[in-house]
């Protein structure tokens, strides 16, 4: 068998019965978290523009957009993935050479599952398989240092999981994954330099393509059978050689993913916790800050701290702000928190934030770097104008895999995010459906409830 066939066999055989109770609970928590951040992005200008475009394009009414309306399944996958990605408040997986966001696959799985009238358990099994494929390929085949984006490994997960959610067989799953992966080798420039809207749309594109190629596979269309090991295949041209025995994989990887506490790029979370702790220290006065010094691990420095992926002190847009560690630290030191509301244009460019950024220095530390990704270490020092210094070190935060979020914590974040777009009854209905999703006969029960979410903020 080829390697893509081995992967497909693993995905085809995955069921929620294979999951430990703890992993299944964590998967449901991520469904709730992903829906929460998606609903909270409803009134974002780019999302409104995309919704308008998709409504104008029309097409077969196959799958539901969050907020109402049915459109072709691949476009619904794009829209719902764009919603869950836009705020940059979704979950993440940390591998030594790669970081990805497995919840990005939910748009594809949800659209495919609704199209095939799949059950809640079918949806969860496909989603769990997406987590396993996405995270394990990032473990063994990181591509960031080779100049490719993390959506590149995700294409295997999106295509395979969408095909499983459609109820396709093992060979069709292999074809869908092979086509999606071959056609979606993406450049890392998406996340370097001055950032654009594409930062938040690159994975929605993969969700759309994974759904489309799964639909192609359902009609008998085939993909490259040696996509991994073939001449000029994935290993030869993209990742380099690696080994993974899919027959030995399980569905527990979701428990190793992490959920964001702060609405900020994932590698900033512990540093922002440290900033909050310093604000609570007696004698701290934000108006008297003379200097801010952060020591962090190399991945955080390179991606959001001004290292190899470019300057992070030119911040004009939301996309630049949520990937600028100096900007995020400045906001938390000034305001005490970082939420979706802080990405209003006037706050992004405010004089106090921009001025404090100039006092912040960030350096990578070799000792801290060796502790990542098992930990997320940060050492933050804030010096006042009279010489007083406050130093806080952190290695994790609430939502990290060593301090996992429980259902109550997930529900609290969900309620905070979705309250402007839902009433209490709908919030309770959505949360109840998700928590018992493995017993729901049809996933359309959930998508029907999601169609009742408001697309405008109720002030």
Foldseek 3Di string as FASTA:
>chain_A
DAPLLLLLVLLLPFFCVQDDPVLLQLLLLQVLLLLLQLLLCLQPPVLVVLVVVQVVVAADQQAAAQQADGGDLLSQLLSSLLSSQVLQQHWWFFALQAIDGLSSLLSLLLSLLSNQQFALRQSSRLSLSLLQQLRVCCNWFPFVVVFWHSVLSSLLSLLLSSLSSNVHDSQLSSFLSQVLNVVQGGGPLCQFDDHDSVVSRSSSNSNSSSNVSSVVSVVPDGHDNNQPPDDPHCCVPTGPDGDDRSVPDGSRSSLQMFGAPASANPLCRFVLVFLLVLLPDPPDDLVFWQAKEKEFAPVLCCRAVARVRHGLLPWQASSSQRSHNLLSSQCCNVPVGHDSVCRDRCNRPPPSSSVSSVRYHYDYDPVNNVCPPVWSWMWMWTAGPVGDIDIDIGTHDCGHSVNNDGLVRSLVSSCVSQVQFDPPVLSVVLSVCSSPRSPGSGSVVNSVSSNSTHSDGRD
